[in-house]
């Protein structure tokens, strides 16, 4: 089901990052796109199958299934390039990034897409190494040099920061298999009295004044809601549904419509299994995300 949803364009109401997060919470192992394994579409794998990059796997005692992200998830990568990769791979394993580029006839654009999305880790090890290797390939060799290969001493690059790697994941894939971005800034949010969505669901009482924060994934204004706007916020533990009355929406319009990371102060409602946060005040905390680029599905 997850593989089919990730392969559909568009994917309906939910963003890829949400689908992956929910699947992993339910015991599904999600593995990264990898030129040594992936097809164009996302595919199912046996849970026990060895992953090219084991550090990406979420470990479960009895995993139900595993999904390998397809190369179609990589922003900007063309399907024709993937077809050539798969065809070349069928003839033998790739010895290096240069070997991949030559045999699959990849250009600089293809290599940039692949290295930025960590899809070359099976050949290089880390993203900085992959980017360096990709930049060092001459994608326009003469006929005489087409079969030649370049040999260089490996360069030891400093490890990238986790925040930078997560931001790059969202930039190239629209999701990350690493930690959720809000997990990195949780200490700061906690100092401001902001609860996680899990804390709100388990500890907040009806009519309690609370604070929440999350990446905006949806903004909805149903025609039957008399101007009320519903917003979904996502953090590292789940989602929170926000209700914004018309007068609040009008008074804080720019924050409501422009924030990528939105913090909310309001009244918690919990009745008959339905939980939501009625907004009193909105704060734009997008700056805390740094260079992370996210998108939301608004008013669809």
Protein backbone atom coordinates (compact mmCIF):
# COMPACT_ATOMS: atom_id res chain seq x y z
CA UNK A 1 0.00 0.00 0.00
CA UNK A 2 2.77 2.45 0.97
CA UNK A 3 4.77 1.68 -2.17
CA UNK A 4 1.68 2.28 -4.33
CA UNK A 5 0.94 5.59 -2.61
CA UNK A 6 4.53 6.80 -2.99
CA UNK A 7 4.41 5.93 -6.68
CA UNK A 8 1.18 7.83 -7.37
CA UNK A 9 1.27 11.39 -8.66
CA UNK A 10 -0.30 13.24 -6.95
CA UNK A 11 -0.47 11.21 -3.75
CA UNK A 12 -3.77 12.58 -2.50
CA UNK A 13 -4.24 14.34 0.82
CA UNK A 14 -1.05 13.17 2.53
CA UNK A 15 2.52 14.28 1.81
CA UNK A 16 5.27 11.65 1.29
CA UNK A 17 6.90 12.48 4.62
CA UNK A 18 3.62 11.82 6.45
CA UNK A 19 3.05 8.52 4.69
CA UNK A 20 6.55 7.31 5.53
CA UNK A 21 6.35 8.44 9.17
CA UNK A 22 3.01 6.71 9.69
CA UNK A 23 4.24 3.52 8.02
CA UNK A 24 7.36 3.36 10.20
CA UNK A 25 5.26 3.88 13.33
CA UNK A 26 3.28 0.80 12.30
CA UNK A 27 6.32 -1.43 11.90
CA UNK A 28 7.13 -0.93 8.23
CA UNK A 29 10.84 -0.73 7.43
CA UNK A 30 11.49 2.03 4.89
CA UNK A 31 14.81 1.91 3.04
CA UNK A 32 16.46 4.69 1.04
CA UNK A 33 16.68 5.12 -2.71
CA UNK A 34 19.90 3.49 -3.89
CA UNK A 35 21.32 3.14 -7.41
CA UNK A 36 22.56 -0.35 -6.56
CA UNK A 37 19.06 -1.61 -5.67
CA UNK A 38 16.19 0.77 -6.42
CA UNK A 39 13.89 0.69 -9.42
CA UNK A 40 12.10 3.79 -10.74
CA UNK A 41 9.06 3.05 -8.55
CA UNK A 42 9.14 2.23 -4.85
CA UNK A 43 9.05 -1.54 -4.32
CA UNK A 44 8.38 -4.10 -1.63
CA UNK A 45 11.27 -6.06 -0.14
CA UNK A 46 11.58 -8.88 2.34
CA UNK A 47 12.13 -7.41 5.84
CA UNK A 48 15.18 -9.63 6.36
CA UNK A 49 16.84 -8.49 3.12
CA UNK A 50 20.11 -6.74 3.85
CA UNK A 51 19.91 -2.99 3.32
CA UNK A 52 22.70 -1.17 1.48
CA UNK A 53 22.71 1.42 4.25
CA UNK A 54 21.61 -0.35 7.48
CA UNK A 55 21.76 2.85 9.54
CA UNK A 56 18.61 4.02 7.76
CA UNK A 57 16.48 1.09 8.89
CA UNK A 58 14.08 1.35 11.78
CA UNK A 59 14.54 -1.82 13.84
CA UNK A 60 11.53 -3.85 14.86
CA UNK A 61 11.40 -7.22 16.62
CA UNK A 62 9.07 -8.61 13.97
CA UNK A 63 8.91 -6.22 10.99
CA UNK A 64 5.81 -6.75 8.90
CA UNK A 65 7.22 -5.61 5.57
CA UNK A 66 9.82 -3.38 3.96
CA UNK A 67 9.60 -0.70 1.28
CA UNK A 68 12.52 0.44 -0.87
CA UNK A 69 12.12 4.01 -2.05
CA UNK A 70 12.22 4.32 -5.82
CA UNK A 71 14.48 6.69 -7.71
CA UNK A 72 11.32 8.53 -8.78
CA UNK A 73 11.30 10.10 -5.29
CA UNK A 74 14.43 12.09 -6.19
CA UNK A 75 13.52 15.60 -7.28
CA UNK A 76 14.70 16.35 -10.82
CA UNK A 77 15.89 12.86 -11.76
CA UNK A 78 14.57 11.78 -15.14
CA UNK A 79 12.95 8.39 -15.68
CA UNK A 80 15.08 7.76 -18.79
CA UNK A 81 18.22 8.05 -16.66
CA UNK A 82 16.84 5.51 -14.21
CA UNK A 83 16.03 3.10 -17.03
CA UNK A 84 19.65 3.27 -18.14
CA UNK A 85 20.85 2.71 -14.56
CA UNK A 86 18.69 -0.39 -14.16
CA UNK A 87 19.77 -1.74 -17.55
CA UNK A 88 23.47 -1.21 -16.80
CA UNK A 89 23.10 -2.73 -13.34
CA UNK A 90 21.63 -5.88 -14.85
CA UNK A 91 24.91 -6.41 -16.69
CA UNK A 92 27.04 -6.23 -13.55
CA UNK A 93 27.65 -4.39 -10.28
CA UNK A 94 28.92 -0.81 -10.42
CA UNK A 95 32.52 -0.46 -9.35
CA UNK A 96 32.35 3.26 -8.62
CA UNK A 97 30.40 6.44 -9.30
CA UNK A 98 32.46 6.95 -12.44
CA UNK A 99 31.67 3.41 -13.59
CA UNK A 100 27.98 4.07 -13.00
CA UNK A 101 28.09 7.36 -14.91
CA UNK A 102 29.87 5.89 -17.92
CA UNK A 103 27.83 2.70 -18.22
CA UNK A 104 24.46 4.38 -17.63
CA UNK A 105 25.40 7.47 -19.70
CA UNK A 106 24.58 9.89 -16.89
CA UNK A 107 25.25 13.60 -17.16
CA UNK A 108 26.19 16.14 -14.49
CA UNK A 109 22.52 16.85 -13.72
CA UNK A 110 21.76 13.17 -13.11
CA UNK A 111 24.77 12.76 -10.83
CA UNK A 112 23.91 15.89 -8.85
CA UNK A 113 20.38 14.60 -8.23
CA UNK A 114 21.62 11.18 -7.15
CA UNK A 115 24.42 12.40 -4.89
CA UNK A 116 22.25 15.03 -3.22
CA UNK A 117 19.62 12.41 -2.39
CA UNK A 118 22.09 9.93 -0.85
CA UNK A 119 21.33 7.47 -3.64
CA UNK A 120 25.06 6.88 -4.20
CA UNK A 121 25.82 5.73 -0.66
CA UNK A 122 26.08 2.12 -1.82
CA UNK A 123 29.10 3.21 -3.85
CA UNK A 124 30.66 5.94 -1.70
CA UNK A 125 29.60 5.74 1.94
CA UNK A 126 28.53 9.28 2.86
CA UNK A 127 26.85 12.23 1.18
CA UNK A 128 29.97 14.50 1.08
CA UNK A 129 31.95 11.66 -0.50
CA UNK A 130 29.16 11.06 -3.02
CA UNK A 131 28.96 14.73 -3.98
CA UNK A 132 32.75 14.89 -4.41
CA UNK A 133 32.81 11.70 -6.48
CA UNK A 134 29.96 12.95 -8.68
CA UNK A 135 31.66 16.27 -9.35
CA UNK A 136 34.87 14.50 -10.31
CA UNK A 137 33.32 12.53 -13.16
CA UNK A 138 33.90 13.77 -16.69
CA UNK A 139 30.46 13.21 -18.20
CA UNK A 140 31.58 14.22 -21.71
CA UNK A 141 34.58 11.99 -22.44
CA UNK A 142 35.98 11.52 -25.90
CA UNK A 143 35.43 8.22 -27.61
CA UNK A 144 39.03 7.27 -26.89
CA UNK A 145 38.63 7.90 -23.16
CA UNK A 146 35.18 6.38 -22.75
CA UNK A 147 36.53 3.10 -21.38
CA UNK A 148 39.21 4.72 -19.22
CA UNK A 149 38.75 5.22 -15.49
CA UNK A 150 40.17 7.81 -13.10
CA UNK A 151 41.82 6.74 -9.88
CA UNK A 152 42.24 9.19 -6.98
CA UNK A 153 43.31 8.93 -3.39
CA UNK A 154 40.19 9.15 -1.19
CA UNK A 155 39.64 12.42 0.66
CA UNK A 156 38.42 12.34 4.26
CA UNK A 157 35.55 14.83 4.54
CA UNK A 158 34.20 15.98 7.86
CA UNK A 159 30.86 14.43 8.74
CA UNK A 160 27.85 16.62 7.97
CA UNK A 161 25.69 17.82 10.83
CA UNK A 162 22.42 15.95 11.35
CA UNK A 163 20.37 19.09 10.75
CA UNK A 164 22.12 19.73 7.45
CA UNK A 165 21.56 16.14 6.32
CA UNK A 166 17.86 16.29 7.20
CA UNK A 167 17.48 19.57 5.32
CA UNK A 168 19.17 18.05 2.28
CA UNK A 169 16.83 15.04 2.50
CA UNK A 170 13.75 17.25 2.37
CA UNK A 171 15.26 19.30 -0.44
CA UNK A 172 15.96 16.29 -2.66
CA UNK A 173 13.33 13.75 -1.57
CA UNK A 174 10.58 15.68 0.19
CA UNK A 175 11.10 13.47 3.26
CA UNK A 176 13.81 12.11 5.53
CA UNK A 177 14.43 8.68 7.01
CA UNK A 178 16.49 10.31 9.72
CA UNK A 179 14.97 11.97 12.77
CA UNK A 180 12.07 14.38 12.41
CA UNK A 181 13.27 18.02 12.19
CA UNK A 182 11.41 19.00 15.38
CA UNK A 183 13.33 16.40 17.38
CA UNK A 184 16.43 18.56 16.90
CA UNK A 185 14.82 21.71 18.31
CA UNK A 186 12.68 20.03 20.98
CA UNK A 187 14.83 21.34 23.89
CA UNK A 188 14.17 24.92 22.75
CA UNK A 189 10.45 24.27 22.28
CA UNK A 190 10.24 22.60 25.69
CA UNK A 191 11.76 25.68 27.32
CA UNK A 192 8.86 27.68 25.88
CA UNK A 193 6.31 25.32 27.39
CA UNK A 194 5.43 23.73 24.05
CA UNK A 195 4.16 20.16 24.36
CA UNK A 196 4.57 17.40 21.81
CA UNK A 197 1.48 16.08 20.07
CA UNK A 198 1.86 12.84 22.04
CA UNK A 199 1.94 14.75 25.33
CA UNK A 200 -1.18 16.67 24.34
CA UNK A 201 -3.08 13.49 23.47
CA UNK A 202 -2.07 11.66 26.65
CA UNK A 203 -1.81 14.40 29.28
CA UNK A 204 -3.79 17.48 28.30
CA UNK A 205 -7.27 17.79 29.80
CA UNK A 206 -10.34 19.31 28.18
CA UNK A 207 -10.32 23.15 28.26
CA UNK A 208 -6.67 23.27 29.35
CA UNK A 209 -4.56 26.15 28.04
CA UNK A 210 -1.67 24.61 26.10
CA UNK A 211 1.00 25.33 23.50
CA UNK A 212 1.85 23.22 20.46
CA UNK A 213 4.24 23.54 17.53
CA UNK A 214 4.72 21.73 14.26
CA UNK A 215 5.47 21.83 10.57
CA UNK A 216 2.36 22.90 8.70
CA UNK A 217 1.22 20.05 6.46
CA UNK A 218 -2.33 21.16 5.60
CA UNK A 219 -4.55 24.21 5.68
CA UNK A 220 -8.22 23.63 4.93
CA UNK A 221 -11.20 25.99 4.76
CA UNK A 222 -14.33 23.92 3.96
CA UNK A 223 -17.17 25.81 2.38
CA UNK A 224 -19.51 24.59 5.12
CA UNK A 225 -17.30 25.78 8.00
CA UNK A 226 -18.38 29.47 7.95
CA UNK A 227 -14.85 30.78 7.52
CA UNK A 228 -13.17 28.49 10.07
CA UNK A 229 -9.71 27.32 8.99
CA UNK A 230 -8.36 23.90 10.00
CA UNK A 231 -4.59 23.43 10.16
CA UNK A 232 -2.60 20.23 10.69
CA UNK A 233 0.75 20.48 12.47
CA UNK A 234 3.29 17.66 12.48
CA UNK A 235 6.03 17.07 15.03
CA UNK A 236 8.25 14.09 15.85
CA UNK A 237 5.46 12.27 17.73
CA UNK A 238 2.47 12.80 15.44
CA UNK A 239 0.03 15.50 14.40
CA UNK A 240 -2.19 18.11 16.04
CA UNK A 241 -5.36 19.50 14.50
CA UNK A 242 -5.74 23.24 14.91
CA UNK A 243 -9.00 25.20 14.72
CA UNK A 244 -8.68 28.87 13.78
CA UNK A 245 -11.81 30.98 14.13
CA UNK A 246 -12.40 33.70 11.47
CA UNK A 247 -11.56 36.62 13.76
CA UNK A 248 -8.25 35.06 14.79
CA UNK A 249 -7.45 34.15 11.18
CA UNK A 250 -8.07 37.71 10.04
CA UNK A 251 -6.02 39.26 12.85
CA UNK A 252 -3.04 36.95 12.27
CA UNK A 253 -3.45 36.25 8.58
CA UNK A 254 0.20 36.62 7.54
CA UNK A 255 1.46 34.21 10.22
CA UNK A 256 -1.35 31.72 9.58
CA UNK A 257 -0.75 31.57 5.84
CA UNK A 258 2.99 32.09 5.73
CA UNK A 259 4.52 30.05 8.54
CA UNK A 260 6.24 26.74 7.75
CA UNK A 261 6.81 26.02 11.43
CA UNK A 262 3.80 27.28 13.36
CA UNK A 263 3.49 27.52 17.14
CA UNK A 264 0.04 27.84 18.66
CA UNK A 265 -1.28 28.86 22.05
CA UNK A 266 -4.88 27.97 22.73
CA UNK A 267 -7.47 25.81 24.43
CA UNK A 268 -7.32 22.03 24.19
CA UNK A 269 -10.55 20.29 23.30
CA UNK A 270 -10.99 16.61 24.03
CA UNK A 271 -14.48 15.21 23.73
CA UNK A 272 -15.77 11.80 22.62
CA UNK A 273 -12.38 10.82 21.23
CA UNK A 274 -12.01 13.98 19.13
CA UNK A 275 -9.03 16.15 20.09
CA UNK A 276 -8.08 19.54 18.70
CA UNK A 277 -6.54 22.85 19.69
CA UNK A 278 -8.63 26.01 19.43
CA UNK A 279 -6.28 28.86 18.57
CA UNK A 280 -5.83 32.02 20.62
CA UNK A 281 -2.37 33.11 19.41
CA UNK A 282 -0.11 32.13 16.49
CA UNK A 283 3.68 32.50 16.30
CA UNK A 284 5.84 31.99 13.20
CA UNK A 285 8.88 29.96 14.25
CA UNK A 286 10.00 29.07 10.71
CA UNK A 287 13.46 30.52 11.40
CA UNK A 288 14.13 27.58 13.74
CA UNK A 289 14.09 25.24 10.74
CA UNK A 290 17.18 26.87 9.24
CA UNK A 291 17.53 25.97 5.58
CA UNK A 292 14.95 23.18 5.77
CA UNK A 293 12.39 23.59 3.00
CA UNK A 294 8.93 22.15 3.55
CA UNK A 295 5.61 22.41 1.75
CA UNK A 296 1.99 22.18 2.76
CA UNK A 297 -1.25 21.26 1.00
CA UNK A 298 -3.47 24.27 1.29
CA UNK A 299 -7.17 24.76 0.66
CA UNK A 300 -7.65 21.72 -1.60
